[in-house]
Amino acid sequence: MQRLWEAIQRGYLRLIEPVAALMVRWRVSPNTITTCGTLCTVATGVLYANGYFVAGGWLFGVTAAFDVLDGMVARRTSSASAFGAFYDSTLDRLSDGAVLGGIAYFWASDATYRSMPMVAVTLAAIVGTFMTSYARARAEALGLDAKVGIMQRPERVTLLAAPQGLLGFALDGWVLRGVVLLLAVTAWITVWQRVRYVRRTLEQADRPPESA
């Protein structure tokens, strides 16, 4: 499965390669790409909030390219910076909140499918998603790379885009329910995995060397 995912990623990078080359030629700033991608993601959240899941899924799928393009352009133009990384990470959190917030709003406001349990599950997914990113950020502050866990951003974006773009509100919304529940559960599992990783790594670093 890991090899399949890596093959998909390599194919995706080859697909957007001409777009990155065009942006480099036009001297588009990486931060501008990040900003445009975030605005499109917020639009996805608005579409989801109003029940337009197919349109939102396709928009989010296309918008996902911005997450890769800003880094590619930054490396090729030697314009990568600490602020650029901070800006990208900050707007990623806004994007996560916008998409999942739109879904939560749908469950809370739609006259036909209103479901407070699903609002609670979506809120759990939002908090778990933010905690996943926070755990990694705190680990990096300690000098550790805690990019571990079963649900990272590429997988999360795929789940929030592909099923909706292809299936919409299929099976009377049960596909969407399954996606949100899966995101909530795996987000919190990922938080636990990162906490465990940091704890074990720090304990090993603090352990005195064994005597010969």
Protein backbone atom coordinates (compact mmCIF):
# COMPACT_ATOMS: atom_id res chain seq x y z
CA MET A 1 0.00 0.00 0.00
CA GLN A 2 2.84 2.37 0.85
CA ARG A 3 4.49 1.70 -2.51
CA LEU A 4 1.19 2.32 -4.30
CA TRP A 5 0.76 5.65 -2.50
CA GLU A 6 4.32 6.67 -3.39
CA ALA A 7 3.72 5.77 -7.04
CA ILE A 8 0.57 7.91 -7.06
CA GLN A 9 2.52 10.80 -5.57
CA ARG A 10 5.26 10.52 -8.21
CA GLY A 11 2.66 10.48 -10.98
CA TYR A 12 0.94 13.51 -9.48
CA LEU A 13 4.22 15.43 -9.35
CA ARG A 14 4.89 14.67 -13.01
CA LEU A 15 1.40 15.85 -13.86
CA ILE A 16 1.78 19.28 -12.26
CA GLU A 17 5.40 19.73 -13.37
CA PRO A 18 4.44 21.89 -16.42
CA VAL A 19 2.30 24.12 -14.20
CA ALA A 20 5.21 24.68 -11.81
CA ALA A 21 7.51 25.50 -14.73
CA LEU A 22 4.97 28.03 -16.04
CA MET A 23 4.69 29.75 -12.67
CA VAL A 24 8.46 29.96 -12.39
CA ARG A 25 8.57 31.55 -15.86
CA TRP A 26 5.89 34.06 -14.86
CA ARG A 27 7.72 34.77 -11.57
CA VAL A 28 4.71 34.00 -9.41
CA SER A 29 5.56 34.31 -5.72
CA PRO A 30 5.21 31.09 -3.66
CA ASN A 31 3.29 33.04 -1.02
CA THR A 32 0.87 34.19 -3.71
CA ILE A 33 0.29 30.56 -4.69
CA THR A 34 -0.32 29.67 -1.04
CA THR A 35 -2.80 32.51 -0.65
CA CYS A 36 -4.72 31.60 -3.80
CA GLY A 37 -4.90 27.98 -2.72
CA THR A 38 -6.28 28.97 0.68
CA LEU A 39 -8.95 31.18 -0.87
CA CYS A 40 -10.04 28.29 -3.09
CA THR A 41 -10.15 25.98 -0.07
CA VAL A 42 -12.36 28.45 1.81
CA ALA A 43 -14.63 28.43 -1.25
CA THR A 44 -14.73 24.63 -0.94
CA GLY A 45 -15.90 25.02 2.64
CA VAL A 46 -18.68 27.34 1.50
CA LEU A 47 -19.78 24.81 -1.14
CA TYR A 48 -19.81 22.01 1.41
CA ALA A 49 -21.75 24.14 3.88
CA ASN A 50 -24.48 24.60 1.26
CA GLY A 51 -24.60 20.94 0.23
CA TYR A 52 -22.73 21.20 -3.09
CA PHE A 53 -20.46 18.25 -2.38
CA VAL A 54 -19.60 17.22 -5.93
CA ALA A 55 -18.56 20.75 -6.92
CA GLY A 56 -16.73 21.21 -3.62
CA GLY A 57 -14.91 17.92 -3.97
CA TRP A 58 -13.67 18.74 -7.46
CA LEU A 59 -12.62 22.25 -6.43
CA PHE A 60 -10.75 20.92 -3.41
CA GLY A 61 -9.07 18.25 -5.53
CA VAL A 62 -7.80 20.86 -7.98
CA THR A 63 -6.86 23.21 -5.16
CA ALA A 64 -4.70 20.50 -3.57
CA ALA A 65 -2.15 21.19 -6.31
CA PHE A 66 -1.42 24.55 -4.67
CA ASP A 67 -0.05 22.71 -1.62
CA VAL A 68 2.65 21.20 -3.83
CA LEU A 69 3.18 24.04 -6.29
CA ASP A 70 4.20 26.65 -3.71
CA GLY A 71 7.03 24.45 -2.46
CA MET A 72 8.15 23.47 -5.95
CA VAL A 73 8.26 27.10 -7.10
CA ALA A 74 10.05 28.19 -3.92
CA ARG A 75 12.80 25.58 -4.41
CA ARG A 76 13.26 26.30 -8.11
CA THR A 77 13.50 30.04 -7.63
CA SER A 78 15.63 29.77 -4.48
CA SER A 79 12.99 31.83 -2.67
CA ALA A 80 12.27 29.38 0.14
CA SER A 81 12.27 31.14 3.50
CA ALA A 82 11.43 30.57 7.14
CA PHE A 83 8.51 32.97 6.84
CA GLY A 84 7.24 31.14 3.75
CA ALA A 85 7.19 27.85 5.68
CA PHE A 86 5.42 29.55 8.60
CA TYR A 87 2.90 31.22 6.28
CA ASP A 88 2.16 27.97 4.46
CA SER A 89 1.69 26.02 7.69
CA THR A 90 -0.57 28.70 9.17
CA LEU A 91 -2.83 28.86 6.12
CA ASP A 92 -2.98 25.06 6.02
CA ARG A 93 -4.70 25.18 9.41
CA LEU A 94 -7.14 27.77 8.07
CA SER A 95 -7.86 25.48 5.12
CA ASP A 96 -8.50 22.47 7.35
CA GLY A 97 -10.87 24.50 9.51
CA ALA A 98 -12.71 25.94 6.51
CA VAL A 99 -13.42 22.58 4.87
CA LEU A 100 -14.38 20.69 8.01
CA GLY A 101 -16.20 23.75 9.35
CA GLY A 102 -18.28 23.83 6.18
CA ILE A 103 -19.23 20.19 6.71
CA ALA A 104 -20.11 20.86 10.34
CA TYR A 105 -22.29 23.79 9.28
CA PHE A 106 -24.10 21.54 6.79
CA TRP A 107 -24.91 18.96 9.46
CA ALA A 108 -26.07 21.71 11.81
CA SER A 109 -28.23 23.71 9.40
CA ASP A 110 -29.62 21.49 6.62
CA ALA A 111 -33.36 21.04 7.07
CA THR A 112 -33.35 17.46 5.78
CA TYR A 113 -30.08 16.04 7.07
CA ARG A 114 -29.59 18.00 10.28
CA SER A 115 -27.65 15.79 12.69
CA MET A 116 -26.17 16.99 15.95
CA PRO A 117 -24.22 13.72 16.45
CA MET A 118 -22.48 14.37 13.12
CA VAL A 119 -21.79 17.95 14.18
CA ALA A 120 -20.06 16.53 17.27
CA VAL A 121 -18.08 14.03 15.18
CA THR A 122 -17.00 16.76 12.75
CA LEU A 123 -15.92 19.00 15.62
CA ALA A 124 -13.88 16.08 17.00
CA ALA A 125 -12.27 15.78 13.55
CA ILE A 126 -11.46 19.50 13.54
CA VAL A 127 -9.86 19.42 17.00
CA GLY A 128 -8.00 16.19 16.19
CA THR A 129 -6.68 17.68 12.95
CA PHE A 130 -5.41 20.77 14.74
CA MET A 131 -3.87 18.65 17.50
CA THR A 132 -2.09 16.54 14.90
CA SER A 133 -0.41 19.63 13.48
CA TYR A 134 0.26 21.11 16.93
CA ALA A 135 1.94 17.91 18.14
CA ARG A 136 4.31 18.00 15.18
CA ALA A 137 5.04 21.71 15.66
CA ARG A 138 5.87 21.21 19.35
CA ALA A 139 8.05 18.24 18.48
CA GLU A 140 9.96 20.34 15.95
CA ALA A 141 10.49 22.98 18.66
CA LEU A 142 12.22 20.21 20.63
CA GLY A 143 14.37 19.34 17.63
CA LEU A 144 12.40 16.27 16.60
CA ASP A 145 10.70 15.41 13.31
CA ALA A 146 7.38 13.89 14.39
CA LYS A 147 6.03 13.37 10.89
CA VAL A 148 4.57 10.02 11.88
CA GLY A 149 1.06 8.64 12.10
CA ILE A 150 -1.61 7.11 9.89
CA MET A 151 -3.41 10.34 8.95
CA GLN A 152 -1.25 13.15 7.60
CA ARG A 153 -2.26 16.08 5.44
CA PRO A 154 -2.06 14.43 1.97
CA GLU A 155 -4.28 11.57 3.12
CA ARG A 156 -6.66 14.00 4.81
CA VAL A 157 -7.00 16.15 1.70
CA THR A 158 -7.62 13.06 -0.41
CA LEU A 159 -10.42 11.87 1.88
CA LEU A 160 -12.04 15.30 1.96
CA ALA A 161 -11.92 15.69 -1.83
CA ALA A 162 -12.09 12.40 -3.76
CA PRO A 163 -15.18 10.70 -2.23
CA GLN A 164 -17.20 13.91 -2.41
CA GLY A 165 -16.06 14.77 -5.93
CA LEU A 166 -16.86 11.29 -7.22
CA LEU A 167 -19.86 10.33 -5.09
CA GLY A 168 -21.26 13.57 -3.71
CA PHE A 169 -23.88 12.91 -1.04
CA ALA A 170 -24.20 9.26 -2.06
CA LEU A 171 -26.22 6.70 -0.08
CA ASP A 172 -28.21 9.43 1.59
CA GLY A 173 -25.09 10.95 3.12
CA TRP A 174 -23.62 7.79 4.60
CA VAL A 175 -20.46 8.06 2.51
CA LEU A 176 -19.83 11.52 3.95
CA ARG A 177 -20.63 10.27 7.45
CA GLY A 178 -18.08 7.50 7.01
CA VAL A 179 -15.41 9.89 5.76
CA VAL A 180 -15.86 12.32 8.65
CA LEU A 181 -15.92 9.52 11.23
CA LEU A 182 -12.77 8.01 9.72
CA LEU A 183 -11.04 11.39 9.81
CA ALA A 184 -12.01 11.95 13.44
CA VAL A 185 -10.80 8.55 14.61
CA THR A 186 -7.55 8.51 12.62
CA ALA A 187 -6.72 12.11 13.57
CA TRP A 188 -6.77 11.24 17.26
CA ILE A 189 -4.86 8.01 16.64
CA THR A 190 -2.22 10.10 14.86
CA VAL A 191 -2.03 12.49 17.82
CA TRP A 192 -1.43 9.52 20.12
CA GLN A 193 1.21 8.10 17.77
CA ARG A 194 3.08 11.41 17.71
CA VAL A 195 2.93 11.84 21.47
CA ARG A 196 4.23 8.29 21.91
CA TYR A 197 7.00 8.89 19.36
CA VAL A 198 8.16 12.08 21.09
CA ARG A 199 8.06 10.47 24.53
CA ARG A 200 10.08 7.44 23.44
CA THR A 201 12.61 9.56 21.57
CA LEU A 202 13.15 11.90 24.51
CA GLU A 203 13.40 9.03 26.97
CA GLN A 204 16.05 7.37 24.82
CA ALA A 205 17.98 10.65 24.59
CA ASP A 206 17.86 11.11 28.37
CA ARG A 207 18.86 7.51 29.13
CA PRO A 208 22.51 7.28 30.30
CA PRO A 209 24.79 5.16 28.10
CA GLU A 210 25.29 1.59 29.25
CA SER A 211 28.63 0.75 30.76
CA ALA A 212 30.89 -1.39 28.65
